[in-house]
C-alpha atoms as a PDB file:
ATOM      1  CA  MET A   1     151.645  65.696   5.841  1.00  0.00           C
ATOM      2  CA  SER A   2     153.913  66.195   2.858  1.00  0.00           C
ATOM      3  CA  LEU A   3     157.163  64.283   2.672  1.00  0.00           C
ATOM      4  CA  PRO A   4     160.180  65.998   1.059  1.00  0.00           C
ATOM      5  CA  PHE A   5     160.224  63.793  -2.047  1.00  0.00           C
ATOM      6  CA  GLN A   6     156.495  63.191  -2.384  1.00  0.00           C
ATOM      7  CA  SER A   7     155.013  64.222  -5.724  1.00  0.00           C
ATOM      8  CA  ASP A   8     151.874  62.899  -7.401  1.00  0.00           C
ATOM      9  CA  ALA A   9     152.913  64.572 -10.651  1.00  0.00           C
ATOM     10  CA  LEU A  10     156.299  62.817 -10.714  1.00  0.00           C
ATOM     11  CA  GLY A  11     154.708  59.501  -9.747  1.00  0.00           C
ATOM     12  CA  LYS A  12     152.240  59.745 -12.631  1.00  0.00           C
ATOM     13  CA  LEU A  13     155.029  60.713 -15.026  1.00  0.00           C
ATOM     14  CA  LEU A  14     157.106  57.724 -13.914  1.00  0.00           C
ATOM     15  CA  LEU A  15     154.135  55.392 -14.386  1.00  0.00           C
ATOM     16  CA  ARG A  16     153.394  56.845 -17.829  1.00  0.00           C
ATOM     17  CA  LEU A  17     156.997  56.592 -18.978  1.00  0.00           C
ATOM     18  CA  THR A  18     157.378  53.052 -17.649  1.00  0.00           C
ATOM     19  CA  VAL A  19     154.311  51.552 -19.293  1.00  0.00           C
ATOM     20  CA  GLY A  20     154.611  53.695 -22.420  1.00  0.00           C
ATOM     21  CA  VAL A  21     158.269  53.051 -23.188  1.00  0.00           C
ATOM     22  CA  LEU A  22     158.137  49.340 -22.363  1.00  0.00           C
ATOM     23  CA  MET A  23     155.026  48.820 -24.507  1.00  0.00           C
ATOM     24  CA  LEU A  24     156.511  50.877 -27.325  1.00  0.00           C
ATOM     25  CA  PHE A  25     159.390  48.395 -27.606  1.00  0.00           C
ATOM     26  CA  HIS A  26     156.838  45.682 -28.419  1.00  0.00           C
ATOM     27  CA  GLY A  27     155.209  47.865 -31.063  1.00  0.00           C
ATOM     28  CA  VAL A  28     158.491  48.808 -32.716  1.00  0.00           C
ATOM     29  CA  HIS A  29     159.442  45.121 -32.825  1.00  0.00           C
ATOM     30  CA  LYS A  30     156.195  44.339 -34.638  1.00  0.00           C
ATOM     31  CA  LEU A  31     156.765  47.245 -37.009  1.00  0.00           C
ATOM     32  CA  LEU A  32     160.256  45.963 -37.859  1.00  0.00           C
ATOM     33  CA  ASN A  33     159.082  42.333 -38.122  1.00  0.00           C
ATOM     34  CA  PRO A  34     155.897  42.310 -40.230  1.00  0.00           C
ATOM     35  CA  GLY A  35     155.595  38.538 -39.801  1.00  0.00           C
ATOM     36  CA  SER A  36     154.183  39.290 -36.368  1.00  0.00           C
ATOM     37  CA  ILE A  37     151.035  40.603 -38.030  1.00  0.00           C
ATOM     38  CA  ASP A  38     150.684  37.313 -39.915  1.00  0.00           C
ATOM     39  CA  PHE A  39     150.822  35.413 -36.614  1.00  0.00           C
ATOM     40  CA  ILE A  40     148.177  37.682 -35.105  1.00  0.00           C
ATOM     41  CA  SER A  41     145.999  37.317 -38.229  1.00  0.00           C
ATOM     42  CA  ILE A  42     146.126  33.532 -37.941  1.00  0.00           C
ATOM     43  CA  GLN A  43     145.192  33.733 -34.267  1.00  0.00           C
ATOM     44  CA  LEU A  44     142.238  35.999 -35.092  1.00  0.00           C
ATOM     45  CA  ALA A  45     141.055  33.641 -37.831  1.00  0.00           C
ATOM     46  CA  GLY A  46     141.204  30.826 -35.284  1.00  0.00           C
ATOM     47  CA  ILE A  47     138.497  32.521 -33.213  1.00  0.00           C
ATOM     48  CA  ASP A  48     136.448  33.642 -36.252  1.00  0.00           C
ATOM     49  CA  MET A  49     137.446  37.310 -36.069  1.00  0.00           C
ATOM     50  CA  PRO A  50     138.338  39.456 -39.108  1.00  0.00           C
ATOM     51  CA  GLN A  51     142.054  39.208 -39.838  1.00  0.00           C
ATOM     52  CA  VAL A  52     142.289  42.922 -40.593  1.00  0.00           C
ATOM     53  CA  LEU A  53     141.947  43.531 -36.837  1.00  0.00           C
ATOM     54  CA  ALA A  54     145.572  42.406 -36.537  1.00  0.00           C
ATOM     55  CA  TYR A  55     146.633  45.892 -37.616  1.00  0.00           C
ATOM     56  CA  GLY A  56     145.057  47.212 -34.414  1.00  0.00           C
ATOM     57  CA  VAL A  57     148.228  46.052 -32.676  1.00  0.00           C
ATOM     58  CA  TYR A  58     149.918  49.155 -34.090  1.00  0.00           C
ATOM     59  CA  VAL A  59     147.333  51.333 -32.344  1.00  0.00           C
ATOM     60  CA  GLY A  60     147.727  49.476 -29.045  1.00  0.00           C
ATOM     61  CA  GLU A  61     151.499  49.169 -29.114  1.00  0.00           C
ATOM     62  CA  ILE A  62     152.704  52.309 -30.924  1.00  0.00           C
ATOM     63  CA  VAL A  63     150.039  55.027 -30.969  1.00  0.00           C
ATOM     64  CA  ALA A  64     148.697  54.434 -27.440  1.00  0.00           C
ATOM     65  CA  PRO A  65     152.161  54.281 -25.804  1.00  0.00           C
ATOM     66  CA  LEU A  66     153.130  57.548 -27.518  1.00  0.00           C
ATOM     67  CA  MET A  67     149.918  59.131 -26.221  1.00  0.00           C
ATOM     68  CA  VAL A  68     150.777  57.932 -22.716  1.00  0.00           C
ATOM     69  CA  ILE A  69     154.455  58.937 -22.876  1.00  0.00           C
ATOM     70  CA  PHE A  70     153.751  62.479 -24.040  1.00  0.00           C
ATOM     71  CA  GLY A  71     150.614  62.917 -21.968  1.00  0.00           C
ATOM     72  CA  VAL A  72     148.252  63.635 -24.863  1.00  0.00           C
ATOM     73  CA  PHE A  73     144.814  62.025 -24.442  1.00  0.00           C
ATOM     74  CA  THR A  74     146.494  59.948 -21.763  1.00  0.00           C
ATOM     75  CA  ARG A  75     143.379  58.250 -20.434  1.00  0.00           C
ATOM     76  CA  LEU A  76     142.420  57.100 -23.937  1.00  0.00           C
ATOM     77  CA  GLY A  77     145.963  55.774 -24.421  1.00  0.00           C
ATOM     78  CA  GLY A  78     145.705  53.837 -21.153  1.00  0.00           C
ATOM     79  CA  VAL A  79     142.411  52.264 -22.171  1.00  0.00           C
ATOM     80  CA  LEU A  80     143.850  51.337 -25.588  1.00  0.00           C
ATOM     81  CA  ILE A  81     146.789  49.593 -23.908  1.00  0.00           C
ATOM     82  CA  PHE A  82     144.359  47.798 -21.587  1.00  0.00           C
ATOM     83  CA  CYS A  83     142.223  46.617 -24.538  1.00  0.00           C
ATOM     84  CA  ASN A  84     145.316  45.617 -26.504  1.00  0.00           C
ATOM     85  CA  MET A  85     146.394  43.388 -23.638  1.00  0.00           C
ATOM     86  CA  ILE A  86     142.952  41.797 -23.292  1.00  0.00           C
ATOM     87  CA  VAL A  87     143.162  40.817 -26.969  1.00  0.00           C
ATOM     88  CA  ALA A  88     146.770  39.606 -26.585  1.00  0.00           C
ATOM     89  CA  ILE A  89     145.853  37.423 -23.610  1.00  0.00           C
ATOM     90  CA  VAL A  90     142.827  35.952 -25.409  1.00  0.00           C
ATOM     91  CA  LEU A  91     144.734  35.319 -28.643  1.00  0.00           C
ATOM     92  CA  ALA A  92     148.162  34.189 -27.541  1.00  0.00           C
ATOM     93  CA  HIS A  93     148.243  33.559 -23.801  1.00  0.00           C
ATOM     94  CA  ARG A  94     144.939  32.028 -22.712  1.00  0.00           C
ATOM     95  CA  ASN A  95     146.633  28.661 -22.103  1.00  0.00           C
ATOM     96  CA  GLN A  96     148.908  30.361 -19.545  1.00  0.00           C
ATOM     97  CA  LEU A  97     146.149  31.859 -17.391  1.00  0.00           C
ATOM     98  CA  PHE A  98     146.833  29.628 -14.397  1.00  0.00           C
ATOM     99  CA  SER A  99     150.432  28.648 -15.165  1.00  0.00           C
ATOM    100  CA  LEU A 100     153.556  29.337 -13.167  1.00  0.00           C
ATOM    101  CA  THR A 101     157.102  29.728 -14.453  1.00  0.00           C
ATOM    102  CA  ASP A 102     159.986  27.515 -13.323  1.00  0.00           C
ATOM    103  CA  HIS A 103     160.808  30.211 -10.761  1.00  0.00           C
ATOM    104  CA  GLY A 104     157.315  30.263  -9.252  1.00  0.00           C
ATOM    105  CA  GLY A 105     156.127  33.469 -10.884  1.00  0.00           C
ATOM    106  CA  LEU A 106     152.912  33.812 -12.815  1.00  0.00           C
ATOM    107  CA  ALA A 107     153.412  33.011 -16.508  1.00  0.00           C
ATOM    108  CA  LEU A 108     151.351  36.085 -17.430  1.00  0.00           C
ATOM    109  CA  GLU A 109     153.280  38.582 -15.285  1.00  0.00           C
ATOM    110  CA  LEU A 110     154.321  40.799 -18.189  1.00  0.00           C
ATOM    111  CA  GLN A 111     150.901  40.745 -19.808  1.00  0.00           C
ATOM    112  CA  LEU A 112     149.206  41.534 -16.489  1.00  0.00           C
ATOM    113  CA  PHE A 113     151.719  44.324 -15.864  1.00  0.00           C
ATOM    114  CA  PHE A 114     150.737  46.029 -19.130  1.00  0.00           C
ATOM    115  CA  LEU A 115     147.034  45.308 -18.592  1.00  0.00           C
ATOM    116  CA  LEU A 116     146.929  46.784 -15.088  1.00  0.00           C
ATOM    117  CA  THR A 117     149.285  49.722 -15.655  1.00  0.00           C
ATOM    118  CA  GLY A 118     147.236  50.689 -18.709  1.00  0.00           C
ATOM    119  CA  LEU A 119     144.181  50.642 -16.454  1.00  0.00           C
ATOM    120  CA  ALA A 120     146.037  52.648 -13.770  1.00  0.00           C
ATOM    121  CA  VAL A 121     146.948  55.310 -16.350  1.00  0.00           C
ATOM    122  CA  PHE A 122     143.291  55.461 -17.360  1.00  0.00           C
ATOM    123  CA  PHE A 123     142.193  56.060 -13.760  1.00  0.00           C
ATOM    124  CA  LEU A 124     145.019  58.446 -12.807  1.00  0.00           C
ATOM    125  CA  GLY A 125     145.327  60.503 -15.988  1.00  0.00           C
ATOM    126  CA  SER A 126     148.408  62.363 -17.108  1.00  0.00           C
ATOM    127  CA  GLY A 127     149.198  64.473 -14.099  1.00  0.00           C
ATOM    128  CA  ARG A 128     150.643  67.979 -14.429  1.00  0.00           C
ATOM    129  CA  ILE A 129     153.827  66.996 -16.259  1.00  0.00           C
ATOM    130  CA  ALA A 130     152.365  66.348 -19.716  1.00  0.00           C
ATOM    131  CA  VAL A 131     152.016  67.974 -23.100  1.00  0.00           C
ATOM    132  CA  LYS A 132     148.246  68.161 -22.527  1.00  0.00           C
ATOM    133  CA  PRO A 133     147.536  67.662 -18.820  1.00  0.00           C
ATOM    134  CA  ASP A 134     144.045  66.429 -17.989  1.00  0.00           C
END
């Protein structure tokens, strides 16, 4: 049964635009504030990882969201966002894993949103409304 406003293609586009645009804001912020890379480098050094990996944030928060938004290698973009969020949680948010906010929400809501929507984009793909549909 098909409902009048039911569309998998539009649903996938909405998901792609939501996660892509919202993540892109984080990447642009880091691009405009290079001190963010210094913070990430320090966090990486704290767990004995090469500091040069900090520049990977540009891949996870600028390149991958653009891939997802435009629907070009969408599944790869989704996996890059997922991996970016794993690293972000390990580096900057691991002390919040089981914490709640003052309003009763999970302290990691935003991070989990990006993590899981990146994974959803990986599983669902671009849909028909994309530059390069898969």
